[in-house]
PDB file of N, CA and C in Angstrom:
ATOM      1  N   MET A   1     -53.373  32.915 220.660  1.00  0.00           N
ATOM      2  CA  MET A   1     -53.709  33.133 219.272  1.00  0.00           C
ATOM      3  C   MET A   1     -54.833  34.155 219.196  1.00  0.00           C
ATOM      4  N   PRO A   2     -54.722  35.174 218.359  1.00  0.00           N
ATOM      5  CA  PRO A   2     -55.771  36.188 218.267  1.00  0.00           C
ATOM      6  C   PRO A   2     -57.023  35.643 217.589  1.00  0.00           C
ATOM      7  N   VAL A   3     -58.153  36.211 217.927  1.00  0.00           N
ATOM      8  CA  VAL A   3     -59.424  35.831 217.349  1.00  0.00           C
ATOM      9  C   VAL A   3     -59.724  36.762 216.190  1.00  0.00           C
ATOM     10  N   VAL A   4     -60.121  36.210 215.045  1.00  0.00           N
ATOM     11  CA  VAL A   4     -60.430  37.022 213.873  1.00  0.00           C
ATOM     12  C   VAL A   4     -61.933  37.184 213.777  1.00  0.00           C
ATOM     13  N   TYR A   5     -62.406  38.410 213.736  1.00  0.00           N
ATOM     14  CA  TYR A   5     -63.825  38.704 213.580  1.00  0.00           C
ATOM     15  C   TYR A   5     -64.051  39.371 212.230  1.00  0.00           C
ATOM     16  N   ARG A   6     -65.154  39.071 211.620  1.00  0.00           N
ATOM     17  CA  ARG A   6     -65.542  39.722 210.379  1.00  0.00           C
ATOM     18  C   ARG A   6     -66.681  40.674 210.715  1.00  0.00           C
ATOM     19  N   TYR A   7     -66.542  41.926 210.343  1.00  0.00           N
ATOM     20  CA  TYR A   7     -67.601  42.872 210.667  1.00  0.00           C
ATOM     21  C   TYR A   7     -68.006  43.643 209.420  1.00  0.00           C
ATOM     22  N   ARG A   8     -69.251  44.089 209.422  1.00  0.00           N
ATOM     23  CA  ARG A   8     -69.816  44.772 208.269  1.00  0.00           C
ATOM     24  C   ARG A   8     -69.290  46.201 208.218  1.00  0.00           C
ATOM     25  N   GLY A   9     -68.822  46.585 207.061  1.00  0.00           N
ATOM     26  CA  GLY A   9     -68.301  47.931 206.856  1.00  0.00           C
ATOM     27  C   GLY A   9     -69.418  48.925 206.623  1.00  0.00           C
ATOM     28  N   PRO A  10     -69.072  50.129 206.224  1.00  0.00           N
ATOM     29  CA  PRO A  10     -70.070  51.174 206.051  1.00  0.00           C
ATOM     30  C   PRO A  10     -70.997  50.941 204.863  1.00  0.00           C
ATOM     31  N   TYR A  11     -70.625  50.056 203.951  1.00  0.00           N
ATOM     32  CA  TYR A  11     -71.460  49.779 202.790  1.00  0.00           C
ATOM     33  C   TYR A  11     -72.006  48.367 202.894  1.00  0.00           C
ATOM     34  N   THR A  12     -73.294  48.186 202.610  1.00  0.00           N
ATOM     35  CA  THR A  12     -73.945  46.898 202.757  1.00  0.00           C
ATOM     36  C   THR A  12     -73.251  45.857 201.881  1.00  0.00           C
ATOM     37  N   GLY A  13     -72.979  44.710 202.460  1.00  0.00           N
ATOM     38  CA  GLY A  13     -72.389  43.613 201.727  1.00  0.00           C
ATOM     39  C   GLY A  13     -70.878  43.606 201.711  1.00  0.00           C
ATOM     40  N   ARG A  14     -70.222  44.630 202.249  1.00  0.00           N
ATOM     41  CA  ARG A  14     -68.769  44.660 202.271  1.00  0.00           C
ATOM     42  C   ARG A  14     -68.300  44.313 203.670  1.00  0.00           C
ATOM     43  N   TYR A  15     -67.394  43.377 203.748  1.00  0.00           N
ATOM     44  CA  TYR A  15     -66.882  42.943 205.030  1.00  0.00           C
ATOM     45  C   TYR A  15     -65.413  43.294 205.147  1.00  0.00           C
ATOM     46  N   TYR A  16     -64.997  43.554 206.349  1.00  0.00           N
ATOM     47  CA  TYR A  16     -63.600  43.837 206.631  1.00  0.00           C
ATOM     48  C   TYR A  16     -63.132  42.843 207.685  1.00  0.00           C
ATOM     49  N   TYR A  17     -61.966  42.276 207.465  1.00  0.00           N
ATOM     50  CA  TYR A  17     -61.431  41.302 208.401  1.00  0.00           C
ATOM     51  C   TYR A  17     -60.405  41.994 209.295  1.00  0.00           C
ATOM     52  N   THR A  18     -60.597  41.871 210.587  1.00  0.00           N
ATOM     53  CA  THR A  18     -59.674  42.480 211.528  1.00  0.00           C
ATOM     54  C   THR A  18     -59.342  41.477 212.618  1.00  0.00           C
ATOM     55  N   ILE A  19     -58.277  41.732 213.314  1.00  0.00           N
ATOM     56  CA  ILE A  19     -57.862  40.866 214.411  1.00  0.00           C
ATOM     57  C   ILE A  19     -58.004  41.638 215.713  1.00  0.00           C
ATOM     58  N   TYR A  20     -58.775  41.059 216.619  1.00  0.00           N
ATOM     59  CA  TYR A  20     -58.912  41.637 217.948  1.00  0.00           C
ATOM     60  C   TYR A  20     -58.151  40.736 218.912  1.00  0.00           C
ATOM     61  N   SER A  21     -57.224  41.281 219.623  1.00  0.00           N
ATOM     62  CA  SER A  21     -56.453  40.438 220.528  1.00  0.00           C
ATOM     63  C   SER A  21     -56.476  40.943 221.964  1.00  0.00           C
ATOM     64  N   GLY A  22     -57.262  41.970 222.233  1.00  0.00           N
ATOM     65  CA  GLY A  22     -57.319  42.525 223.580  1.00  0.00           C
ATOM     66  C   GLY A  22     -58.136  41.665 224.511  1.00  0.00           C
ATOM     67  N   PRO A  23     -58.077  41.952 225.794  1.00  0.00           N
ATOM     68  CA  PRO A  23     -58.806  41.144 226.773  1.00  0.00           C
ATOM     69  C   PRO A  23     -60.321  41.265 226.634  1.00  0.00           C
ATOM     70  N   TYR A  24     -60.801  42.348 225.990  1.00  0.00           N
ATOM     71  CA  TYR A  24     -62.245  42.509 225.846  1.00  0.00           C
ATOM     72  C   TYR A  24     -62.815  41.483 224.866  1.00  0.00           C
ATOM     73  N   TYR A  25     -62.087  41.150 223.824  1.00  0.00           N
ATOM     74  CA  TYR A  25     -62.628  40.296 222.772  1.00  0.00           C
ATOM     75  C   TYR A  25     -62.331  38.818 222.965  1.00  0.00           C
ATOM     76  N   VAL A  26     -61.193  38.494 223.540  1.00  0.00           N
ATOM     77  CA  VAL A  26     -60.824  37.092 223.682  1.00  0.00           C
ATOM     78  C   VAL A  26     -61.608  36.479 224.831  1.00  0.00           C
ATOM     79  N   GLY A  27     -62.362  35.433 224.515  1.00  0.00           N
ATOM     80  CA  GLY A  27     -63.146  34.752 225.534  1.00  0.00           C
ATOM     81  C   GLY A  27     -64.319  35.571 226.036  1.00  0.00           C
ATOM     82  N   THR A  28     -64.806  36.499 225.229  1.00  0.00           N
ATOM     83  CA  THR A  28     -65.904  37.362 225.643  1.00  0.00           C
ATOM     84  C   THR A  28     -67.205  36.583 225.711  1.00  0.00           C
ATOM     85  N   THR A  29     -67.916  36.733 226.809  1.00  0.00           N
ATOM     86  CA  THR A  29     -69.272  36.209 226.907  1.00  0.00           C
ATOM     87  C   THR A  29     -70.204  37.411 226.975  1.00  0.00           C
ATOM     88  N   ARG A  30     -71.254  37.324 226.226  1.00  0.00           N
ATOM     89  CA  ARG A  30     -72.214  38.422 226.182  1.00  0.00           C
ATOM     90  C   ARG A  30     -73.588  37.919 226.580  1.00  0.00           C
ATOM     91  N   ASP A  31     -74.421  38.837 226.998  1.00  0.00           N
ATOM     92  CA  ASP A  31     -75.787  38.517 227.366  1.00  0.00           C
ATOM     93  C   ASP A  31     -76.562  38.122 226.107  1.00  0.00           C
ATOM     94  N   ASP A  32     -77.491  37.189 226.255  1.00  0.00           N
ATOM     95  CA  ASP A  32     -78.270  36.717 225.113  1.00  0.00           C
ATOM     96  C   ASP A  32     -79.075  37.828 224.451  1.00  0.00           C
ATOM     97  N   THR A  33     -79.575  38.772 225.237  1.00  0.00           N
ATOM     98  CA  THR A  33     -80.354  39.862 224.648  1.00  0.00           C
ATOM     99  C   THR A  33     -79.479  40.779 223.794  1.00  0.00           C
ATOM    100  N   GLU A  34     -78.219  40.981 224.192  1.00  0.00           N
ATOM    101  CA  GLU A  34     -77.298  41.783 223.378  1.00  0.00           C
ATOM    102  C   GLU A  34     -77.011  41.084 222.059  1.00  0.00           C
ATOM    103  N   ILE A  35     -76.780  39.782 222.120  1.00  0.00           N
ATOM    104  CA  ILE A  35     -76.523  39.013 220.908  1.00  0.00           C
ATOM    105  C   ILE A  35     -77.740  39.052 219.995  1.00  0.00           C
ATOM    106  N   LEU A  36     -78.928  38.852 220.552  1.00  0.00           N
ATOM    107  CA  LEU A  36     -80.167  38.869 219.775  1.00  0.00           C
ATOM    108  C   LEU A  36     -80.362  40.209 219.083  1.00  0.00           C
ATOM    109  N   THR A  37     -80.144  41.289 219.796  1.00  0.00           N
ATOM    110  CA  THR A  37     -80.309  42.629 219.226  1.00  0.00           C
ATOM    111  C   THR A  37     -79.341  42.855 218.071  1.00  0.00           C
ATOM    112  N   ASP A  38     -78.084  42.433 218.246  1.00  0.00           N
ATOM    113  CA  ASP A  38     -77.089  42.613 217.187  1.00  0.00           C
ATOM    114  C   ASP A  38     -77.429  41.792 215.950  1.00  0.00           C
ATOM    115  N   ILE A  39     -77.860  40.554 216.138  1.00  0.00           N
ATOM    116  CA  ILE A  39     -78.194  39.705 214.994  1.00  0.00           C
ATOM    117  C   ILE A  39     -79.400  40.248 214.249  1.00  0.00           C
ATOM    118  N   GLU A  40     -80.432  40.672 214.975  1.00  0.00           N
ATOM    119  CA  GLU A  40     -81.611  41.226 214.316  1.00  0.00           C
ATOM    120  C   GLU A  40     -81.268  42.480 213.518  1.00  0.00           C
ATOM    121  N   ALA A  41     -80.395  43.324 214.059  1.00  0.00           N
ATOM    122  CA  ALA A  41     -79.974  44.527 213.336  1.00  0.00           C
ATOM    123  C   ALA A  41     -79.183  44.157 212.083  1.00  0.00           C
ATOM    124  N   ASP A  42     -78.297  43.163 212.189  1.00  0.00           N
ATOM    125  CA  ASP A  42     -77.522  42.722 211.023  1.00  0.00           C
ATOM    126  C   ASP A  42     -78.422  42.141 209.942  1.00  0.00           C
ATOM    127  N   LEU A  43     -79.435  41.388 210.335  1.00  0.00           N
ATOM    128  CA  LEU A  43     -80.348  40.807 209.352  1.00  0.00           C
ATOM    129  C   LEU A  43     -81.152  41.875 208.632  1.00  0.00           C
ATOM    130  N   ILE A  44     -81.548  42.908 209.349  1.00  0.00           N
ATOM    131  CA  ILE A  44     -82.301  43.998 208.722  1.00  0.00           C
ATOM    132  C   ILE A  44     -81.431  44.750 207.726  1.00  0.00           C
ATOM    133  N   LEU A  45     -80.150  44.933 208.056  1.00  0.00           N
ATOM    134  CA  LEU A  45     -79.242  45.671 207.175  1.00  0.00           C
ATOM    135  C   LEU A  45     -78.716  44.842 206.012  1.00  0.00           C
ATOM    136  N   ASP A  46     -78.830  43.528 206.089  1.00  0.00           N
ATOM    137  CA  ASP A  46     -78.306  42.660 205.041  1.00  0.00           C
ATOM    138  C   ASP A  46     -79.242  42.681 203.832  1.00  0.00           C
ATOM    139  N   SER A  47     -78.710  43.089 202.691  1.00  0.00           N
ATOM    140  CA  SER A  47     -79.535  43.212 201.489  1.00  0.00           C
ATOM    141  C   SER A  47     -79.918  41.860 200.894  1.00  0.00           C
ATOM    142  N   TRP A  48     -79.257  40.776 201.297  1.00  0.00           N
ATOM    143  CA  TRP A  48     -79.560  39.451 200.768  1.00  0.00           C
ATOM    144  C   TRP A  48     -80.702  38.772 201.503  1.00  0.00           C
ATOM    145  N   VAL A  49     -81.050  39.275 202.697  1.00  0.00           N
ATOM    146  CA  VAL A  49     -82.018  38.592 203.554  1.00  0.00           C
ATOM    147  C   VAL A  49     -83.256  39.449 203.751  1.00  0.00           C
ATOM    148  N   ASP A  50     -84.441  38.826 203.587  1.00  0.00           N
ATOM    149  CA  ASP A  50     -85.693  39.473 203.966  1.00  0.00           C
ATOM    150  C   ASP A  50     -85.972  39.055 205.411  1.00  0.00           C
ATOM    151  N   ALA A  51     -85.659  39.943 206.337  1.00  0.00           N
ATOM    152  CA  ALA A  51     -85.688  39.606 207.762  1.00  0.00           C
ATOM    153  C   ALA A  51     -87.092  39.499 208.343  1.00  0.00           C
ATOM    154  N   THR A  52     -88.109  39.826 207.580  1.00  0.00           N
ATOM    155  CA  THR A  52     -89.470  39.788 208.123  1.00  0.00           C
ATOM    156  C   THR A  52     -89.928  38.372 208.439  1.00  0.00           C
ATOM    157  N   ASN A  53     -89.383  37.371 207.759  1.00  0.00           N
ATOM    158  CA  ASN A  53     -89.808  35.989 207.981  1.00  0.00           C
ATOM    159  C   ASN A  53     -88.775  35.153 208.740  1.00  0.00           C
ATOM    160  N   VAL A  54     -87.777  35.802 209.317  1.00  0.00           N
ATOM    161  CA  VAL A  54     -86.720  35.089 210.036  1.00  0.00           C
ATOM    162  C   VAL A  54     -86.901  35.299 211.535  1.00  0.00           C
ATOM    163  N   ASN A  55     -86.984  34.190 212.266  1.00  0.00           N
ATOM    164  CA  ASN A  55     -87.086  34.229 213.725  1.00  0.00           C
ATOM    165  C   ASN A  55     -85.735  33.863 214.319  1.00  0.00           C
ATOM    166  N   VAL A  56     -85.317  34.626 215.327  1.00  0.00           N
ATOM    167  CA  VAL A  56     -84.017  34.410 215.966  1.00  0.00           C
ATOM    168  C   VAL A  56     -84.244  34.131 217.448  1.00  0.00           C
ATOM    169  N   GLU A  57     -83.633  33.061 217.928  1.00  0.00           N
ATOM    170  CA  GLU A  57     -83.648  32.740 219.353  1.00  0.00           C
ATOM    171  C   GLU A  57     -82.212  32.533 219.801  1.00  0.00           C
ATOM    172  N   VAL A  58     -81.883  33.003 221.013  1.00  0.00           N
ATOM    173  CA  VAL A  58     -80.542  32.846 221.559  1.00  0.00           C
ATOM    174  C   VAL A  58     -80.660  32.249 222.958  1.00  0.00           C
ATOM    175  N   ASN A  59     -79.930  31.169 223.194  1.00  0.00           N
ATOM    176  CA  ASN A  59     -79.916  30.523 224.501  1.00  0.00           C
ATOM    177  C   ASN A  59     -78.473  30.176 224.842  1.00  0.00           C
ATOM    178  N   GLU A  60     -77.905  30.893 225.809  1.00  0.00           N
ATOM    179  CA  GLU A  60     -76.535  30.701 226.259  1.00  0.00           C
ATOM    180  C   GLU A  60     -75.531  30.778 225.109  1.00  0.00           C
ATOM    181  N   GLY A  61     -75.742  31.724 224.212  1.00  0.00           N
ATOM    182  CA  GLY A  61     -74.830  31.944 223.097  1.00  0.00           C
ATOM    183  C   GLY A  61     -75.098  31.099 221.875  1.00  0.00           C
ATOM    184  N   VAL A  62     -76.027  30.149 221.966  1.00  0.00           N
ATOM    185  CA  VAL A  62     -76.388  29.313 220.829  1.00  0.00           C
ATOM    186  C   VAL A  62     -77.568  29.958 220.114  1.00  0.00           C
ATOM    187  N   VAL A  63     -77.371  30.282 218.843  1.00  0.00           N
ATOM    188  CA  VAL A  63     -78.377  30.991 218.054  1.00  0.00           C
ATOM    189  C   VAL A  63     -79.141  29.980 217.210  1.00  0.00           C
ATOM    190  N   THR A  64     -80.470  30.070 217.221  1.00  0.00           N
ATOM    191  CA  THR A  64     -81.319  29.244 216.370  1.00  0.00           C
ATOM    192  C   THR A  64     -82.083  30.152 215.428  1.00  0.00           C
ATOM    193  N   LEU A  65     -81.888  29.933 214.128  1.00  0.00           N
ATOM    194  CA  LEU A  65     -82.606  30.678 213.104  1.00  0.00           C
ATOM    195  C   LEU A  65     -83.711  29.789 212.556  1.00  0.00           C
ATOM    196  N   SER A  66     -84.925  30.322 212.464  1.00  0.00           N
ATOM    197  CA  SER A  66     -86.032  29.565 211.898  1.00  0.00           C
ATOM    198  C   SER A  66     -86.890  30.500 211.062  1.00  0.00           C
ATOM    199  N   GLY A  67     -87.704  29.906 210.201  1.00  0.00           N
ATOM    200  CA  GLY A  67     -88.558  30.691 209.326  1.00  0.00           C
ATOM    201  C   GLY A  67     -88.300  30.336 207.873  1.00  0.00           C
ATOM    202  N   ASN A  68     -88.713  31.235 206.978  1.00  0.00           N
ATOM    203  CA  ASN A  68     -88.599  30.996 205.545  1.00  0.00           C
ATOM    204  C   ASN A  68     -87.822  32.117 204.874  1.00  0.00           C
ATOM    205  N   VAL A  69     -87.015  31.732 203.891  1.00  0.00           N
ATOM    206  CA  VAL A  69     -86.293  32.696 203.058  1.00  0.00           C
ATOM    207  C   VAL A  69     -86.516  32.328 201.594  1.00  0.00           C
ATOM    208  N   ASP A  70     -86.152  33.237 200.695  1.00  0.00           N
ATOM    209  CA  ASP A  70     -86.424  33.032 199.276  1.00  0.00           C
ATOM    210  C   ASP A  70     -85.359  32.222 198.547  1.00  0.00           C
ATOM    211  N   THR A  71     -84.106  32.344 198.971  1.00  0.00           N
ATOM    212  CA  THR A  71     -83.015  31.687 198.248  1.00  0.00           C
ATOM    213  C   THR A  71     -82.040  31.022 199.211  1.00  0.00           C
ATOM    214  N   VAL A  72     -81.201  30.153 198.644  1.00  0.00           N
ATOM    215  CA  VAL A  72     -80.152  29.517 199.417  1.00  0.00           C
ATOM    216  C   VAL A  72     -79.125  30.556 199.861  1.00  0.00           C
ATOM    217  N   VAL A  73     -78.913  31.570 199.022  1.00  0.00           N
ATOM    218  CA  VAL A  73     -77.975  32.640 199.364  1.00  0.00           C
ATOM    219  C   VAL A  73     -78.461  33.395 200.594  1.00  0.00           C
ATOM    220  N   ALA A  74     -79.762  33.624 200.688  1.00  0.00           N
ATOM    221  CA  ALA A  74     -80.324  34.312 201.849  1.00  0.00           C
ATOM    222  C   ALA A  74     -80.144  33.465 203.111  1.00  0.00           C
ATOM    223  N   LYS A  75     -80.321  32.156 202.992  1.00  0.00           N
ATOM    224  CA  LYS A  75     -80.129  31.261 204.137  1.00  0.00           C
ATOM    225  C   LYS A  75     -78.683  31.304 204.605  1.00  0.00           C
ATOM    226  N   ARG A  76     -77.767  31.227 203.668  1.00  0.00           N
ATOM    227  CA  ARG A  76     -76.340  31.249 204.006  1.00  0.00           C
ATOM    228  C   ARG A  76     -75.938  32.595 204.608  1.00  0.00           C
ATOM    229  N   SER A  77     -76.437  33.677 204.028  1.00  0.00           N
ATOM    230  CA  SER A  77     -76.102  35.010 204.508  1.00  0.00           C
ATOM    231  C   SER A  77     -76.628  35.246 205.922  1.00  0.00           C
ATOM    232  N   ALA A  78     -77.828  34.759 206.212  1.00  0.00           N
ATOM    233  CA  ALA A  78     -78.388  34.899 207.561  1.00  0.00           C
ATOM    234  C   ALA A  78     -77.548  34.122 208.567  1.00  0.00           C
ATOM    235  N   GLY A  79     -77.110  32.927 208.190  1.00  0.00           N
ATOM    236  CA  GLY A  79     -76.240  32.152 209.069  1.00  0.00           C
ATOM    237  C   GLY A  79     -74.905  32.835 209.298  1.00  0.00           C
ATOM    238  N   ASP A  80     -74.351  33.435 208.235  1.00  0.00           N
ATOM    239  CA  ASP A  80     -73.086  34.163 208.368  1.00  0.00           C
ATOM    240  C   ASP A  80     -73.240  35.383 209.265  1.00  0.00           C
ATOM    241  N   ASP A  81     -74.364  36.081 209.135  1.00  0.00           N
ATOM    242  CA  ASP A  81     -74.613  37.238 210.001  1.00  0.00           C
ATOM    243  C   ASP A  81     -74.641  36.819 211.465  1.00  0.00           C
ATOM    244  N   ALA A  82     -75.255  35.676 211.738  1.00  0.00           N
ATOM    245  CA  ALA A  82     -75.314  35.190 213.116  1.00  0.00           C
ATOM    246  C   ALA A  82     -73.922  34.797 213.606  1.00  0.00           C
ATOM    247  N   TRP A  83     -73.153  34.082 212.790  1.00  0.00           N
ATOM    248  CA  TRP A  83     -71.814  33.659 213.185  1.00  0.00           C
ATOM    249  C   TRP A  83     -70.880  34.830 213.411  1.00  0.00           C
ATOM    250  N   ASP A  84     -71.083  35.909 212.687  1.00  0.00           N
ATOM    251  CA  ASP A  84     -70.190  37.055 212.770  1.00  0.00           C
ATOM    252  C   ASP A  84     -70.433  37.925 213.992  1.00  0.00           C
ATOM    253  N   THR A  85     -71.403  37.593 214.797  1.00  0.00           N
ATOM    254  CA  THR A  85     -71.727  38.374 215.985  1.00  0.00           C
ATOM    255  C   THR A  85     -70.872  37.908 217.161  1.00  0.00           C
ATOM    256  N   PRO A  86     -70.151  38.827 217.816  1.00  0.00           N
ATOM    257  CA  PRO A  86     -69.334  38.431 218.974  1.00  0.00           C
ATOM    258  C   PRO A  86     -70.190  37.824 220.084  1.00  0.00           C
ATOM    259  N   GLY A  87     -69.685  36.766 220.687  1.00  0.00           N
ATOM    260  CA  GLY A  87     -70.380  36.100 221.774  1.00  0.00           C
ATOM    261  C   GLY A  87     -71.154  34.866 221.343  1.00  0.00           C
ATOM    262  N   VAL A  88     -71.280  34.635 220.028  1.00  0.00           N
ATOM    263  CA  VAL A  88     -72.021  33.478 219.536  1.00  0.00           C
ATOM    264  C   VAL A  88     -71.155  32.235 219.651  1.00  0.00           C
ATOM    265  N   VAL A  89     -71.719  31.183 220.239  1.00  0.00           N
ATOM    266  CA  VAL A  89     -71.006  29.927 220.430  1.00  0.00           C
ATOM    267  C   VAL A  89     -71.297  28.951 219.296  1.00  0.00           C
ATOM    268  N   ASP A  90     -72.557  28.904 218.857  1.00  0.00           N
ATOM    269  CA  ASP A  90     -72.963  27.989 217.794  1.00  0.00           C
ATOM    270  C   ASP A  90     -74.188  28.573 217.102  1.00  0.00           C
ATOM    271  N   VAL A  91     -74.397  28.170 215.845  1.00  0.00           N
ATOM    272  CA  VAL A  91     -75.571  28.605 215.083  1.00  0.00           C
ATOM    273  C   VAL A  91     -76.274  27.374 214.536  1.00  0.00           C
ATOM    274  N   ILE A  92     -77.559  27.292 214.808  1.00  0.00           N
ATOM    275  CA  ILE A  92     -78.406  26.230 214.251  1.00  0.00           C
ATOM    276  C   ILE A  92     -79.291  26.900 213.213  1.00  0.00           C
ATOM    277  N   ASN A  93     -79.015  26.637 211.955  1.00  0.00           N
ATOM    278  CA  ASN A  93     -79.722  27.306 210.859  1.00  0.00           C
ATOM    279  C   ASN A  93     -80.852  26.401 210.367  1.00  0.00           C
ATOM    280  N   ASN A  94     -82.063  26.625 210.890  1.00  0.00           N
ATOM    281  CA  ASN A  94     -83.239  25.859 210.496  1.00  0.00           C
ATOM    282  C   ASN A  94     -84.094  26.611 209.494  1.00  0.00           C
ATOM    283  N   LEU A  95     -83.519  27.574 208.784  1.00  0.00           N
ATOM    284  CA  LEU A  95     -84.272  28.312 207.784  1.00  0.00           C
ATOM    285  C   LEU A  95     -84.621  27.403 206.621  1.00  0.00           C
ATOM    286  N   LYS A  96     -85.831  27.590 206.081  1.00  0.00           N
ATOM    287  CA  LYS A  96     -86.284  26.791 204.941  1.00  0.00           C
ATOM    288  C   LYS A  96     -86.373  27.698 203.721  1.00  0.00           C
ATOM    289  N   VAL A  97     -85.944  27.166 202.587  1.00  0.00           N
ATOM    290  CA  VAL A  97     -85.983  27.913 201.330  1.00  0.00           C
ATOM    291  C   VAL A  97     -87.327  27.639 200.665  1.00  0.00           C
ATOM    292  N   GLN A  98     -88.088  28.712 200.406  1.00  0.00           N
ATOM    293  CA  GLN A  98     -89.373  28.579 199.724  1.00  0.00           C
ATOM    294  C   GLN A  98     -89.121  28.442 198.224  1.00  0.00           C
ATOM    295  N   ARG A  99     -89.819  27.547 197.618  1.00  0.00           N
ATOM    296  CA  ARG A  99     -89.663  27.353 196.161  1.00  0.00           C
ATOM    297  C   ARG A  99     -90.973  27.591 195.474  1.00  0.00           C
TER     298      ARG A  99
END
């Protein structure tokens, strides 16, 4: 069964759904530093998230997000950005919404 990845298009906030079925994408394991770099870049480019207060940790493909965000939408968007990164096994979203 092919794996479906969602990736950010050329315009912020627009996603394109594609199917990758080659040997490179199926069962791909990536280094934690590569995953961390990709997630941090996605958070900076995401217009819904203020990435200055978001901390990202990656351990064996498990991503932990911590820190503070302004809205529930920002929390959800940050979690989606992490999930959309190839090589991520699980996401623990410990972001807190400031009120």
